[in-house]
Amino acid sequence: MKKLFTNDFIVEKGFLSPEVCQRWQDTIFENPKIFGQGVEPDYGHLAAFYSMLESGLNESYFRFADKNNKFLVENFPEIKKIISYAGIKILIKQLFFCKFP
């Protein structure tokens, strides 16, 4: 079985500018009705989402995720291209560094 968490990472300088990151952070933190009061990193927002799945609350997870995704696309239209680009980088890295039996 392939190890899921390998602590691998990709560094691409200038991938996102500090200004873009700051704008995203400010917008997300200013909208607790969308992301919830616990969106700050100290509260583990993503962990809360996954605990919904672990608790069998799949409908709640997908409802919240859909609401978050719509907000992100509306407020950050560039996000689809950024996520696609990052995903391609990850897949290419996996293809070139995977071990075949």
N, C-alpha and C. Protein backbone atom coordinates (compact mmCIF):
# COMPACT_ATOMS: atom_id res chain seq x y z
N MET A 1 0.84 -1.17 0.00
CA MET A 1 0.00 0.00 0.00
C MET A 1 0.89 1.25 0.00
N LYS A 2 0.53 2.21 -0.80
CA LYS A 2 1.31 3.44 -0.89
C LYS A 2 1.11 4.30 0.35
N LYS A 3 2.19 4.83 0.86
CA LYS A 3 2.13 5.70 2.02
C LYS A 3 1.46 7.01 1.60
N LEU A 4 0.43 7.43 2.32
CA LEU A 4 -0.32 8.62 1.94
C LEU A 4 0.39 9.92 2.30
N PHE A 5 0.99 9.97 3.47
CA PHE A 5 1.62 11.20 3.92
C PHE A 5 3.12 11.01 3.94
N THR A 6 3.78 11.61 2.97
CA THR A 6 5.22 11.41 2.84
C THR A 6 6.02 12.65 3.21
N ASN A 7 5.34 13.70 3.61
CA ASN A 7 5.99 14.97 3.92
C ASN A 7 6.70 15.57 2.72
N ASP A 8 6.28 15.17 1.54
CA ASP A 8 6.82 15.77 0.32
C ASP A 8 6.19 17.15 0.13
N PHE A 9 6.92 18.02 -0.53
CA PHE A 9 6.36 19.33 -0.83
C PHE A 9 7.01 19.86 -2.10
N ILE A 10 6.33 20.81 -2.70
CA ILE A 10 6.82 21.47 -3.91
C ILE A 10 6.96 22.95 -3.57
N VAL A 11 8.09 23.52 -3.90
CA VAL A 11 8.30 24.95 -3.67
C VAL A 11 8.40 25.64 -5.03
N GLU A 12 7.56 26.63 -5.22
CA GLU A 12 7.63 27.42 -6.44
C GLU A 12 7.59 28.89 -6.02
N LYS A 13 8.75 29.50 -6.01
CA LYS A 13 8.84 30.90 -5.57
C LYS A 13 7.94 31.78 -6.42
N GLY A 14 7.23 32.66 -5.75
CA GLY A 14 6.36 33.59 -6.45
C GLY A 14 5.05 32.99 -6.90
N PHE A 15 4.75 31.77 -6.47
CA PHE A 15 3.51 31.11 -6.89
C PHE A 15 2.30 31.97 -6.54
N LEU A 16 2.25 32.45 -5.31
CA LEU A 16 1.22 33.40 -4.88
C LEU A 16 1.93 34.57 -4.22
N SER A 17 1.54 35.75 -4.61
CA SER A 17 2.17 36.93 -4.02
C SER A 17 1.66 37.14 -2.60
N PRO A 18 2.46 37.78 -1.77
CA PRO A 18 1.99 38.09 -0.41
C PRO A 18 0.70 38.92 -0.42
N GLU A 19 0.54 39.78 -1.42
CA GLU A 19 -0.67 40.61 -1.52
C GLU A 19 -1.91 39.75 -1.77
N VAL A 20 -1.78 38.76 -2.64
CA VAL A 20 -2.90 37.86 -2.93
C VAL A 20 -3.26 37.07 -1.67
N CYS A 21 -2.25 36.53 -1.01
CA CYS A 21 -2.50 35.76 0.21
C CYS A 21 -3.17 36.62 1.28
N GLN A 22 -2.72 37.85 1.41
CA GLN A 22 -3.31 38.75 2.41
C GLN A 22 -4.77 39.07 2.07
N ARG A 23 -5.04 39.31 0.79
CA ARG A 23 -6.42 39.60 0.35
C ARG A 23 -7.32 38.41 0.64
N TRP A 24 -6.84 37.21 0.32
CA TRP A 24 -7.63 36.01 0.59
C TRP A 24 -7.88 35.85 2.07
N GLN A 25 -6.83 35.99 2.88
CA GLN A 25 -6.98 35.83 4.32
C GLN A 25 -7.98 36.84 4.88
N ASP A 26 -7.83 38.10 4.50
CA ASP A 26 -8.72 39.14 5.02
C ASP A 26 -10.17 38.85 4.64
N THR A 27 -10.40 38.48 3.40
CA THR A 27 -11.76 38.23 2.92
C THR A 27 -12.38 37.04 3.65
N ILE A 28 -11.61 35.98 3.84
CA ILE A 28 -12.14 34.79 4.52
C ILE A 28 -12.42 35.09 5.99
N PHE A 29 -11.50 35.76 6.68
CA PHE A 29 -11.70 36.07 8.10
C PHE A 29 -12.83 37.06 8.30
N GLU A 30 -13.14 37.88 7.30
CA GLU A 30 -14.21 38.86 7.41
C GLU A 30 -15.60 38.25 7.13
N ASN A 31 -15.64 36.98 6.83
CA ASN A 31 -16.91 36.32 6.49
C ASN A 31 -17.16 35.08 7.34
N PRO A 32 -17.30 35.27 8.65
CA PRO A 32 -17.51 34.10 9.51
C PRO A 32 -18.83 33.38 9.26
N LYS A 33 -19.80 34.06 8.64
CA LYS A 33 -21.07 33.38 8.34
C LYS A 33 -20.87 32.30 7.28
N ILE A 34 -19.87 32.46 6.43
CA ILE A 34 -19.57 31.46 5.41
C ILE A 34 -18.65 30.39 5.97
N PHE A 35 -17.58 30.80 6.63
CA PHE A 35 -16.55 29.87 7.05
C PHE A 35 -16.62 29.47 8.52
N GLY A 36 -17.48 30.12 9.29
CA GLY A 36 -17.64 29.79 10.69
C GLY A 36 -16.65 30.55 11.56
N GLN A 37 -16.99 30.66 12.83
CA GLN A 37 -16.14 31.39 13.78
C GLN A 37 -14.78 30.72 13.96
N GLY A 38 -14.71 29.43 13.73
CA GLY A 38 -13.48 28.69 13.97
C GLY A 38 -12.58 28.59 12.75
N VAL A 39 -12.69 29.53 11.81
CA VAL A 39 -11.89 29.46 10.59
C VAL A 39 -10.41 29.72 10.85
N GLU A 40 -10.08 30.42 11.93
CA GLU A 40 -8.68 30.72 12.20
C GLU A 40 -7.90 29.42 12.36
N PRO A 41 -6.64 29.41 11.94
CA PRO A 41 -5.83 28.18 12.00
C PRO A 41 -5.78 27.54 13.38
N ASP A 42 -5.86 28.35 14.43
CA ASP A 42 -5.81 27.80 15.78
C ASP A 42 -6.93 26.80 16.05
N TYR A 43 -8.02 26.93 15.33
CA TYR A 43 -9.18 26.08 15.59
C TYR A 43 -9.28 24.87 14.66
N GLY A 44 -8.42 24.76 13.69
CA GLY A 44 -8.43 23.58 12.82
C GLY A 44 -9.70 23.44 12.01
N HIS A 45 -10.02 24.46 11.21
CA HIS A 45 -11.25 24.48 10.42
C HIS A 45 -11.41 23.21 9.58
N LEU A 46 -10.36 22.80 8.91
CA LEU A 46 -10.47 21.61 8.07
C LEU A 46 -10.69 20.36 8.91
N ALA A 47 -10.11 20.32 10.07
CA ALA A 47 -10.33 19.17 10.94
C ALA A 47 -11.81 19.08 11.32
N ALA A 48 -12.45 20.23 11.51
CA ALA A 48 -13.88 20.24 11.84
C ALA A 48 -14.69 19.66 10.69
N PHE A 49 -14.31 20.02 9.47
CA PHE A 49 -15.01 19.46 8.30
C PHE A 49 -14.87 17.95 8.27
N TYR A 50 -13.66 17.46 8.45
CA TYR A 50 -13.45 16.02 8.36
C TYR A 50 -14.09 15.28 9.52
N SER A 51 -14.21 15.93 10.67
CA SER A 51 -14.90 15.27 11.78
C SER A 51 -16.37 15.07 11.45
N MET A 52 -16.93 15.94 10.60
CA MET A 52 -18.32 15.75 10.15
C MET A 52 -18.44 14.43 9.40
N LEU A 53 -17.48 14.17 8.51
CA LEU A 53 -17.50 12.93 7.75
C LEU A 53 -17.34 11.73 8.66
N GLU A 54 -16.38 11.82 9.58
CA GLU A 54 -16.13 10.72 10.50
C GLU A 54 -17.33 10.43 11.39
N SER A 55 -18.13 11.46 11.65
CA SER A 55 -19.32 11.29 12.50
C SER A 55 -20.54 10.85 11.70
N GLY A 56 -20.37 10.67 10.40
CA GLY A 56 -21.49 10.26 9.57
C GLY A 56 -22.38 11.39 9.12
N LEU A 57 -21.89 12.62 9.24
CA LEU A 57 -22.68 13.79 8.85
C LEU A 57 -22.30 14.23 7.43
N ASN A 58 -22.34 13.30 6.51
CA ASN A 58 -21.91 13.58 5.14
C ASN A 58 -22.69 14.71 4.50
N GLU A 59 -23.99 14.75 4.73
CA GLU A 59 -24.81 15.80 4.14
C GLU A 59 -24.35 17.17 4.62
N SER A 60 -24.05 17.28 5.92
CA SER A 60 -23.58 18.56 6.47
C SER A 60 -22.24 18.95 5.85
N TYR A 61 -21.36 17.98 5.74
CA TYR A 61 -20.04 18.26 5.15
C TYR A 61 -20.20 18.82 3.74
N PHE A 62 -20.98 18.12 2.91
CA PHE A 62 -21.12 18.55 1.52
C PHE A 62 -21.86 19.88 1.40
N ARG A 63 -22.81 20.14 2.29
CA ARG A 63 -23.52 21.42 2.28
C ARG A 63 -22.56 22.55 2.62
N PHE A 64 -21.76 22.38 3.67
CA PHE A 64 -20.78 23.41 4.05
C PHE A 64 -19.71 23.58 2.98
N ALA A 65 -19.21 22.47 2.45
CA ALA A 65 -18.17 22.54 1.41
C ALA A 65 -18.70 23.25 0.17
N ASP A 66 -19.94 22.97 -0.21
CA ASP A 66 -20.53 23.62 -1.38
C ASP A 66 -20.66 25.13 -1.15
N LYS A 67 -21.09 25.50 0.03
CA LYS A 67 -21.22 26.92 0.39
C LYS A 67 -19.86 27.61 0.35
N ASN A 68 -18.84 26.96 0.90
CA ASN A 68 -17.48 27.52 0.89
C ASN A 68 -16.96 27.64 -0.53
N ASN A 69 -17.14 26.60 -1.33
CA ASN A 69 -16.63 26.62 -2.70
C ASN A 69 -17.27 27.72 -3.54
N LYS A 70 -18.58 27.90 -3.39
CA LYS A 70 -19.26 28.96 -4.14
C LYS A 70 -18.73 30.33 -3.75
N PHE A 71 -18.51 30.53 -2.46
CA PHE A 71 -17.96 31.80 -1.98
C PHE A 71 -16.57 32.03 -2.57
N LEU A 72 -15.73 31.01 -2.54
CA LEU A 72 -14.36 31.14 -3.05
C LEU A 72 -14.35 31.49 -4.54
N VAL A 73 -15.16 30.80 -5.33
CA VAL A 73 -15.20 31.06 -6.77
C VAL A 73 -15.73 32.46 -7.06
N GLU A 74 -16.73 32.88 -6.28
CA GLU A 74 -17.31 34.21 -6.49
C GLU A 74 -16.33 35.32 -6.11
N ASN A 75 -15.64 35.15 -5.00
CA ASN A 75 -14.75 36.19 -4.50
C ASN A 75 -13.32 36.10 -5.02
N PHE A 76 -12.92 34.92 -5.46
CA PHE A 76 -11.57 34.70 -5.97
C PHE A 76 -11.66 33.92 -7.28
N PRO A 77 -12.11 34.54 -8.36
CA PRO A 77 -12.31 33.80 -9.61
C PRO A 77 -11.03 33.13 -10.12
N GLU A 78 -9.88 33.62 -9.70
CA GLU A 78 -8.62 33.03 -10.14
C GLU A 78 -8.32 31.69 -9.46
N ILE A 79 -9.12 31.33 -8.47
CA ILE A 79 -8.79 30.15 -7.66
C ILE A 79 -8.87 28.84 -8.46
N LYS A 80 -9.77 28.76 -9.42
CA LYS A 80 -9.88 27.52 -10.21
C LYS A 80 -8.58 27.24 -10.96
N LYS A 81 -8.03 28.27 -11.59
CA LYS A 81 -6.77 28.09 -12.32
C LYS A 81 -5.62 27.75 -11.38
N ILE A 82 -5.60 28.38 -10.23
CA ILE A 82 -4.53 28.13 -9.26
C ILE A 82 -4.60 26.70 -8.74
N ILE A 83 -5.79 26.24 -8.39
CA ILE A 83 -5.95 24.88 -7.89
C ILE A 83 -5.62 23.87 -8.98
N SER A 84 -6.06 24.13 -10.21
CA SER A 84 -5.74 23.23 -11.32
C SER A 84 -4.24 23.15 -11.55
N TYR A 85 -3.58 24.29 -11.51
CA TYR A 85 -2.14 24.34 -11.72
C TYR A 85 -1.42 23.56 -10.62
N ALA A 86 -1.81 23.79 -9.38
CA ALA A 86 -1.18 23.08 -8.26
C ALA A 86 -1.42 21.58 -8.37
N GLY A 87 -2.64 21.20 -8.74
CA GLY A 87 -2.96 19.78 -8.90
C GLY A 87 -2.12 19.11 -9.97
N ILE A 88 -1.94 19.79 -11.08
CA ILE A 88 -1.11 19.26 -12.16
C ILE A 88 0.33 19.07 -11.68
N LYS A 89 0.86 20.06 -10.95
CA LYS A 89 2.22 19.95 -10.41
C LYS A 89 2.35 18.72 -9.51
N ILE A 90 1.37 18.50 -8.67
CA ILE A 90 1.40 17.35 -7.75
C ILE A 90 1.36 16.05 -8.55
N LEU A 91 0.46 15.96 -9.53
CA LEU A 91 0.35 14.74 -10.33
C LEU A 91 1.63 14.46 -11.11
N ILE A 92 2.21 15.49 -11.69
CA ILE A 92 3.45 15.31 -12.46
C ILE A 92 4.56 14.83 -11.53
N LYS A 93 4.64 15.41 -10.35
CA LYS A 93 5.66 14.99 -9.39
C LYS A 93 5.46 13.53 -9.04
N GLN A 94 4.23 13.12 -8.81
CA GLN A 94 3.94 11.73 -8.47
C GLN A 94 4.29 10.79 -9.62
N LEU A 95 3.99 11.20 -10.85
CA LEU A 95 4.28 10.35 -12.01
C LEU A 95 5.77 10.14 -12.19
N PHE A 96 6.53 11.20 -12.01
CA PHE A 96 7.98 11.10 -12.26
C PHE A 96 8.73 10.47 -11.11
N PHE A 97 8.16 10.44 -9.94
CA PHE A 97 8.88 9.89 -8.79
C PHE A 97 8.25 8.63 -8.23
N CYS A 98 7.24 8.09 -8.90
CA CYS A 98 6.63 6.87 -8.38
C CYS A 98 7.51 5.67 -8.74
N LYS A 99 7.39 4.64 -7.91
CA LYS A 99 8.17 3.41 -8.14
C LYS A 99 7.23 2.36 -8.69
N PHE A 100 7.63 1.77 -9.77
CA PHE A 100 6.81 0.72 -10.37
C PHE A 100 7.35 -0.63 -9.90
N PRO A 101 6.45 -1.59 -9.70
CA PRO A 101 6.90 -2.91 -9.23
C PRO A 101 7.77 -3.62 -10.25
